Amino acid sequence: MDGLLPEEATERLIATCRTTVGDNLRSVTYFTRSDFEQVYLRDDLEQDADLMGFIGNERQDFNTTTDAYRGSELGGYRYTLRVFENGYLVRVGGENTGVFVTTDGVELRDFDALAHALTATLAEWEA
C-alpha cells in the first residue's frame, strides 16, 4: 500500500518520535490538507480512534490559532499540546502538512523536544 509519505520518510518520522518519547509513544499520524495516514500505532492499542474527526479538528484549530495569535507579543505559534485522561496529543504543523502524536505521560521538556524535532523534519520536506 502506497502511503502519503515515502517509506524512508515514514521510518524517519517514527524514529524521531521514538527517540524523543521512547515507549510512551502511542501513535503518529501525518496529515495534509486533503488526506491523512496513521503511520504508527503501538501494538497494545486498538485502532478505533476517529482519526478523521481528530484531523478535521486539528487542521481547523491550527488555522484558527495561527490567525488569532499572529503578531502576539508571545511570539510565533510553535505547537499544540492537548491533555487527556489517558494520554497526550501533540500537534505540529504548517499550512500544508502536519503531524499529531499521541503519548502516555512524559515530561514537558520531552514534548518541547518532540515538537522541535518534528518541526525540523516537516520543514525539510516542505522545502
N, C-alpha and C. Protein backbone atom coordinates (compact mmCIF):
# COMPACT_ATOMS: atom_id res chain seq x y z
N MET A 1 0.84 -1.19 0.00
CA MET A 1 0.00 0.00 0.00
C MET A 1 0.88 1.24 0.00
N ASP A 2 0.64 2.13 -0.94
CA ASP A 2 1.38 3.37 -1.01
C ASP A 2 0.79 4.37 -0.04
N GLY A 3 1.64 5.00 0.78
CA GLY A 3 1.18 5.97 1.74
C GLY A 3 1.42 7.38 1.25
N LEU A 4 1.09 8.33 2.09
CA LEU A 4 1.32 9.73 1.76
C LEU A 4 2.80 10.07 1.74
N LEU A 5 3.56 9.36 2.55
CA LEU A 5 4.99 9.60 2.67
C LEU A 5 5.77 8.43 2.08
N PRO A 6 6.93 8.71 1.51
CA PRO A 6 7.79 7.59 1.11
C PRO A 6 8.19 6.79 2.35
N GLU A 7 8.53 5.53 2.17
CA GLU A 7 8.87 4.65 3.29
C GLU A 7 9.99 5.24 4.15
N GLU A 8 10.99 5.82 3.52
CA GLU A 8 12.11 6.41 4.26
C GLU A 8 11.63 7.55 5.17
N ALA A 9 10.74 8.38 4.67
CA ALA A 9 10.21 9.50 5.46
C ALA A 9 9.35 8.99 6.61
N THR A 10 8.56 7.95 6.35
CA THR A 10 7.75 7.35 7.41
C THR A 10 8.63 6.79 8.51
N GLU A 11 9.66 6.06 8.12
CA GLU A 11 10.59 5.49 9.11
C GLU A 11 11.28 6.59 9.92
N ARG A 12 11.65 7.67 9.26
CA ARG A 12 12.31 8.77 9.96
C ARG A 12 11.36 9.44 10.95
N LEU A 13 10.12 9.63 10.54
CA LEU A 13 9.13 10.24 11.41
C LEU A 13 8.92 9.40 12.67
N ILE A 14 8.76 8.11 12.50
CA ILE A 14 8.59 7.21 13.64
C ILE A 14 9.84 7.20 14.51
N ALA A 15 11.01 7.15 13.90
CA ALA A 15 12.26 7.14 14.67
C ALA A 15 12.43 8.43 15.46
N THR A 16 12.05 9.56 14.86
CA THR A 16 12.13 10.84 15.56
C THR A 16 11.29 10.81 16.82
N CYS A 17 10.07 10.30 16.69
CA CYS A 17 9.17 10.24 17.84
C CYS A 17 9.66 9.23 18.88
N ARG A 18 10.07 8.06 18.44
CA ARG A 18 10.55 7.03 19.37
C ARG A 18 11.79 7.49 20.12
N THR A 19 12.67 8.18 19.43
CA THR A 19 13.89 8.68 20.07
C THR A 19 13.56 9.69 21.16
N THR A 20 12.55 10.50 20.92
CA THR A 20 12.20 11.56 21.86
C THR A 20 11.37 11.07 23.03
N VAL A 21 10.35 10.26 22.80
CA VAL A 21 9.46 9.86 23.89
C VAL A 21 9.50 8.37 24.22
N GLY A 22 10.29 7.60 23.48
CA GLY A 22 10.50 6.19 23.80
C GLY A 22 9.23 5.37 23.79
N ASP A 23 9.12 4.49 24.79
CA ASP A 23 7.98 3.58 24.87
C ASP A 23 6.67 4.27 25.22
N ASN A 24 6.72 5.56 25.53
CA ASN A 24 5.50 6.31 25.81
C ASN A 24 4.74 6.68 24.53
N LEU A 25 5.36 6.45 23.38
CA LEU A 25 4.71 6.76 22.10
C LEU A 25 3.51 5.84 21.89
N ARG A 26 2.37 6.44 21.60
CA ARG A 26 1.14 5.68 21.33
C ARG A 26 0.86 5.62 19.83
N SER A 27 0.87 6.77 19.15
CA SER A 27 0.57 6.79 17.72
C SER A 27 1.18 8.01 17.06
N VAL A 28 1.33 7.91 15.73
CA VAL A 28 1.82 9.00 14.91
C VAL A 28 0.94 9.06 13.67
N THR A 29 0.38 10.25 13.41
CA THR A 29 -0.47 10.44 12.23
C THR A 29 0.04 11.66 11.46
N TYR A 30 0.32 11.46 10.19
CA TYR A 30 0.76 12.52 9.28
C TYR A 30 -0.46 12.97 8.49
N PHE A 31 -0.60 14.28 8.28
CA PHE A 31 -1.74 14.74 7.51
C PHE A 31 -1.38 15.90 6.60
N THR A 32 -2.15 16.01 5.52
CA THR A 32 -2.04 17.12 4.57
C THR A 32 -3.39 17.83 4.58
N ARG A 33 -3.55 18.79 3.70
CA ARG A 33 -4.84 19.49 3.61
C ARG A 33 -5.97 18.57 3.16
N SER A 34 -5.63 17.49 2.46
CA SER A 34 -6.69 16.66 1.88
C SER A 34 -6.68 15.19 2.29
N ASP A 35 -5.68 14.76 3.05
CA ASP A 35 -5.60 13.35 3.38
C ASP A 35 -4.81 13.15 4.67
N PHE A 36 -4.81 11.94 5.18
CA PHE A 36 -4.05 11.62 6.38
C PHE A 36 -3.66 10.15 6.36
N GLU A 37 -2.66 9.83 7.16
CA GLU A 37 -2.23 8.44 7.30
C GLU A 37 -1.67 8.23 8.70
N GLN A 38 -2.20 7.24 9.40
CA GLN A 38 -1.61 6.87 10.68
C GLN A 38 -0.42 5.98 10.35
N VAL A 39 0.78 6.48 10.63
CA VAL A 39 1.99 5.76 10.25
C VAL A 39 2.52 4.86 11.36
N TYR A 40 1.99 5.04 12.58
CA TYR A 40 2.42 4.20 13.69
C TYR A 40 1.28 4.08 14.70
N LEU A 41 1.08 2.88 15.20
CA LEU A 41 0.15 2.63 16.30
C LEU A 41 0.78 1.55 17.16
N ARG A 42 0.97 1.86 18.43
CA ARG A 42 1.58 0.90 19.34
C ARG A 42 0.75 -0.39 19.38
N ASP A 43 1.44 -1.52 19.46
CA ASP A 43 0.80 -2.84 19.37
C ASP A 43 -0.30 -3.09 20.39
N ASP A 44 -0.20 -2.52 21.58
CA ASP A 44 -1.19 -2.81 22.62
C ASP A 44 -2.44 -1.94 22.53
N LEU A 45 -2.54 -1.12 21.51
CA LEU A 45 -3.69 -0.23 21.35
C LEU A 45 -4.59 -0.70 20.21
N GLU A 46 -5.88 -0.45 20.36
CA GLU A 46 -6.83 -0.80 19.31
C GLU A 46 -6.97 0.35 18.33
N GLN A 47 -7.13 0.01 17.08
CA GLN A 47 -7.25 1.01 16.03
C GLN A 47 -8.72 1.41 15.87
N ASP A 48 -9.22 2.14 16.88
CA ASP A 48 -10.63 2.51 16.85
C ASP A 48 -10.86 4.02 17.01
N ALA A 49 -9.80 4.79 16.97
CA ALA A 49 -9.95 6.24 17.09
C ALA A 49 -10.57 6.83 15.83
N ASP A 50 -11.34 7.88 16.00
CA ASP A 50 -11.94 8.59 14.87
C ASP A 50 -10.90 9.57 14.34
N LEU A 51 -9.97 9.05 13.53
CA LEU A 51 -8.89 9.89 13.04
C LEU A 51 -9.38 11.04 12.18
N MET A 52 -10.41 10.82 11.39
CA MET A 52 -10.93 11.90 10.55
C MET A 52 -11.44 13.05 11.41
N GLY A 53 -12.09 12.74 12.52
CA GLY A 53 -12.54 13.77 13.44
C GLY A 53 -11.36 14.52 14.05
N PHE A 54 -10.32 13.78 14.44
CA PHE A 54 -9.12 14.40 15.00
C PHE A 54 -8.48 15.33 13.97
N ILE A 55 -8.33 14.82 12.75
CA ILE A 55 -7.68 15.60 11.69
C ILE A 55 -8.45 16.88 11.42
N GLY A 56 -9.77 16.76 11.26
CA GLY A 56 -10.58 17.94 10.99
C GLY A 56 -10.44 18.98 12.08
N ASN A 57 -10.47 18.54 13.31
CA ASN A 57 -10.33 19.45 14.43
C ASN A 57 -8.94 20.07 14.46
N GLU A 58 -7.91 19.27 14.30
CA GLU A 58 -6.54 19.78 14.38
C GLU A 58 -6.23 20.73 13.23
N ARG A 59 -6.72 20.43 12.04
CA ARG A 59 -6.49 21.31 10.89
C ARG A 59 -7.19 22.65 11.09
N GLN A 60 -8.46 22.60 11.52
CA GLN A 60 -9.22 23.83 11.75
C GLN A 60 -8.62 24.63 12.90
N ASP A 61 -8.26 23.95 13.97
CA ASP A 61 -7.68 24.62 15.12
C ASP A 61 -6.36 25.28 14.78
N PHE A 62 -5.55 24.64 13.93
CA PHE A 62 -4.28 25.24 13.52
C PHE A 62 -4.53 26.58 12.85
N ASN A 63 -5.46 26.61 11.90
CA ASN A 63 -5.75 27.86 11.19
C ASN A 63 -6.29 28.92 12.14
N THR A 64 -7.20 28.55 13.02
CA THR A 64 -7.77 29.50 13.98
C THR A 64 -6.70 30.03 14.91
N THR A 65 -5.87 29.14 15.43
CA THR A 65 -4.83 29.53 16.39
C THR A 65 -3.80 30.45 15.75
N THR A 66 -3.30 30.09 14.57
CA THR A 66 -2.29 30.93 13.95
C THR A 66 -2.84 32.30 13.59
N ASP A 67 -4.09 32.35 13.15
CA ASP A 67 -4.70 33.65 12.84
C ASP A 67 -4.92 34.48 14.11
N ALA A 68 -5.39 33.85 15.16
CA ALA A 68 -5.72 34.56 16.39
C ALA A 68 -4.49 35.14 17.07
N TYR A 69 -3.38 34.45 17.01
CA TYR A 69 -2.19 34.88 17.74
C TYR A 69 -1.12 35.52 16.87
N ARG A 70 -1.43 35.72 15.60
CA ARG A 70 -0.47 36.36 14.69
C ARG A 70 -0.12 37.75 15.23
N GLY A 71 1.16 38.03 15.35
CA GLY A 71 1.61 39.33 15.83
C GLY A 71 1.60 39.47 17.34
N SER A 72 1.32 38.40 18.06
CA SER A 72 1.28 38.43 19.52
C SER A 72 2.66 38.68 20.11
N GLU A 73 2.68 39.32 21.25
CA GLU A 73 3.94 39.52 21.96
C GLU A 73 4.51 38.21 22.48
N LEU A 74 3.71 37.16 22.44
CA LEU A 74 4.19 35.84 22.86
C LEU A 74 5.13 35.23 21.84
N GLY A 75 5.14 35.75 20.63
CA GLY A 75 5.98 35.19 19.57
C GLY A 75 5.17 34.27 18.68
N GLY A 76 5.84 33.61 17.78
CA GLY A 76 5.18 32.74 16.82
C GLY A 76 4.66 31.46 17.45
N TYR A 77 3.57 30.96 16.90
CA TYR A 77 2.99 29.71 17.33
C TYR A 77 3.98 28.57 17.04
N ARG A 78 4.12 27.62 17.98
CA ARG A 78 5.06 26.51 17.80
C ARG A 78 4.37 25.16 17.72
N TYR A 79 3.53 24.83 18.69
CA TYR A 79 2.84 23.54 18.68
C TYR A 79 1.70 23.57 19.68
N THR A 80 0.84 22.56 19.57
CA THR A 80 -0.29 22.42 20.48
C THR A 80 -0.12 21.15 21.29
N LEU A 81 -0.39 21.25 22.57
CA LEU A 81 -0.37 20.10 23.47
C LEU A 81 -1.76 19.97 24.08
N ARG A 82 -2.37 18.82 23.91
CA ARG A 82 -3.69 18.55 24.49
C ARG A 82 -3.53 17.46 25.54
N VAL A 83 -4.15 17.68 26.68
CA VAL A 83 -4.04 16.75 27.81
C VAL A 83 -5.37 16.02 27.97
N PHE A 84 -5.30 14.68 28.00
CA PHE A 84 -6.48 13.84 28.15
C PHE A 84 -6.31 12.95 29.37
N GLU A 85 -7.37 12.30 29.75
CA GLU A 85 -7.34 11.40 30.90
C GLU A 85 -6.32 10.28 30.73
N ASN A 86 -6.20 9.74 29.52
CA ASN A 86 -5.33 8.59 29.29
C ASN A 86 -4.11 8.89 28.44
N GLY A 87 -3.78 10.14 28.25
CA GLY A 87 -2.60 10.44 27.44
C GLY A 87 -2.60 11.87 26.95
N TYR A 88 -1.72 12.12 26.00
CA TYR A 88 -1.50 13.46 25.47
C TYR A 88 -1.49 13.42 23.95
N LEU A 89 -1.81 14.55 23.34
CA LEU A 89 -1.72 14.71 21.90
C LEU A 89 -0.90 15.96 21.63
N VAL A 90 0.12 15.82 20.81
CA VAL A 90 0.96 16.94 20.39
C VAL A 90 0.75 17.12 18.89
N ARG A 91 0.40 18.35 18.48
CA ARG A 91 0.23 18.65 17.06
C ARG A 91 1.28 19.66 16.64
N VAL A 92 1.97 19.33 15.58
CA VAL A 92 2.96 20.21 14.98
C VAL A 92 2.60 20.32 13.51
N GLY A 93 2.70 21.50 12.95
CA GLY A 93 2.38 21.57 11.54
C GLY A 93 2.58 22.94 10.95
N GLY A 94 2.41 22.95 9.66
CA GLY A 94 2.47 24.18 8.90
C GLY A 94 1.17 24.33 8.14
N GLU A 95 1.18 25.14 7.13
CA GLU A 95 -0.04 25.40 6.38
C GLU A 95 -0.47 24.22 5.51
N ASN A 96 0.48 23.39 5.10
CA ASN A 96 0.15 22.31 4.17
C ASN A 96 0.21 20.91 4.76
N THR A 97 1.04 20.71 5.76
CA THR A 97 1.20 19.38 6.36
C THR A 97 1.27 19.50 7.87
N GLY A 98 1.07 18.37 8.51
CA GLY A 98 1.17 18.36 9.96
C GLY A 98 1.31 16.94 10.47
N VAL A 99 1.61 16.83 11.74
CA VAL A 99 1.73 15.55 12.40
C VAL A 99 1.07 15.70 13.76
N PHE A 100 0.29 14.70 14.15
CA PHE A 100 -0.08 14.65 15.55
C PHE A 100 0.38 13.33 16.12
N VAL A 101 0.88 13.43 17.34
CA VAL A 101 1.49 12.31 18.03
C VAL A 101 0.74 12.15 19.35
N THR A 102 0.37 10.92 19.67
CA THR A 102 -0.23 10.66 20.97
C THR A 102 0.77 9.90 21.83
N THR A 103 0.76 10.20 23.12
CA THR A 103 1.72 9.60 24.04
C THR A 103 1.04 9.27 25.36
N ASP A 104 1.72 8.43 26.12
CA ASP A 104 1.40 8.27 27.52
C ASP A 104 2.10 9.44 28.22
N GLY A 105 2.09 9.47 29.53
CA GLY A 105 2.69 10.56 30.28
C GLY A 105 4.19 10.71 30.03
N VAL A 106 4.60 11.90 29.71
CA VAL A 106 6.01 12.26 29.58
C VAL A 106 6.20 13.64 30.19
N GLU A 107 7.44 14.04 30.35
CA GLU A 107 7.76 15.35 30.92
C GLU A 107 7.54 16.46 29.90
N LEU A 108 7.25 17.66 30.36
CA LEU A 108 7.02 18.79 29.47
C LEU A 108 8.21 19.03 28.56
N ARG A 109 9.41 18.89 29.07
CA ARG A 109 10.60 19.12 28.23
C ARG A 109 10.65 18.12 27.07
N ASP A 110 10.09 16.91 27.28
CA ASP A 110 10.06 15.92 26.21
C ASP A 110 9.11 16.35 25.10
N PHE A 111 7.98 16.96 25.46
CA PHE A 111 7.05 17.45 24.45
C PHE A 111 7.71 18.56 23.62
N ASP A 112 8.46 19.43 24.29
CA ASP A 112 9.14 20.51 23.59
C ASP A 112 10.18 19.94 22.64
N ALA A 113 10.93 18.96 23.09
CA ALA A 113 11.94 18.32 22.23
C ALA A 113 11.27 17.63 21.05
N LEU A 114 10.15 16.95 21.30
CA LEU A 114 9.42 16.28 20.24
C LEU A 114 8.92 17.28 19.21
N ALA A 115 8.31 18.35 19.67
CA ALA A 115 7.79 19.37 18.75
C ALA A 115 8.90 20.00 17.93
N HIS A 116 10.03 20.27 18.54
CA HIS A 116 11.17 20.86 17.83
C HIS A 116 11.67 19.90 16.74
N ALA A 117 11.82 18.62 17.09
CA ALA A 117 12.31 17.63 16.13
C ALA A 117 11.33 17.45 14.97
N LEU A 118 10.04 17.40 15.27
CA LEU A 118 9.04 17.24 14.21
C LEU A 118 8.96 18.47 13.31
N THR A 119 9.06 19.64 13.90
CA THR A 119 9.05 20.87 13.12
C THR A 119 10.19 20.89 12.13
N ALA A 120 11.38 20.52 12.58
CA ALA A 120 12.55 20.48 11.71
C ALA A 120 12.36 19.47 10.58
N THR A 121 11.81 18.31 10.91
CA THR A 121 11.58 17.27 9.91
C THR A 121 10.56 17.74 8.86
N LEU A 122 9.44 18.31 9.30
CA LEU A 122 8.43 18.80 8.35
C LEU A 122 8.98 19.92 7.48
N ALA A 123 9.78 20.80 8.06
CA ALA A 123 10.35 21.91 7.30
C ALA A 123 11.26 21.40 6.18
N GLU A 124 11.99 20.34 6.43
CA GLU A 124 12.84 19.76 5.40
C GLU A 124 11.99 19.24 4.23
N TRP A 125 10.87 18.58 4.54
CA TRP A 125 10.03 18.01 3.50
C TRP A 125 9.29 19.08 2.71
N GLU A 126 8.96 20.19 3.35
CA GLU A 126 8.22 21.24 2.65
C GLU A 126 9.13 22.14 1.82
N ALA A 127 10.43 22.05 2.08
CA ALA A 127 11.39 22.91 1.35
C ALA A 127 11.58 22.45 -0.07
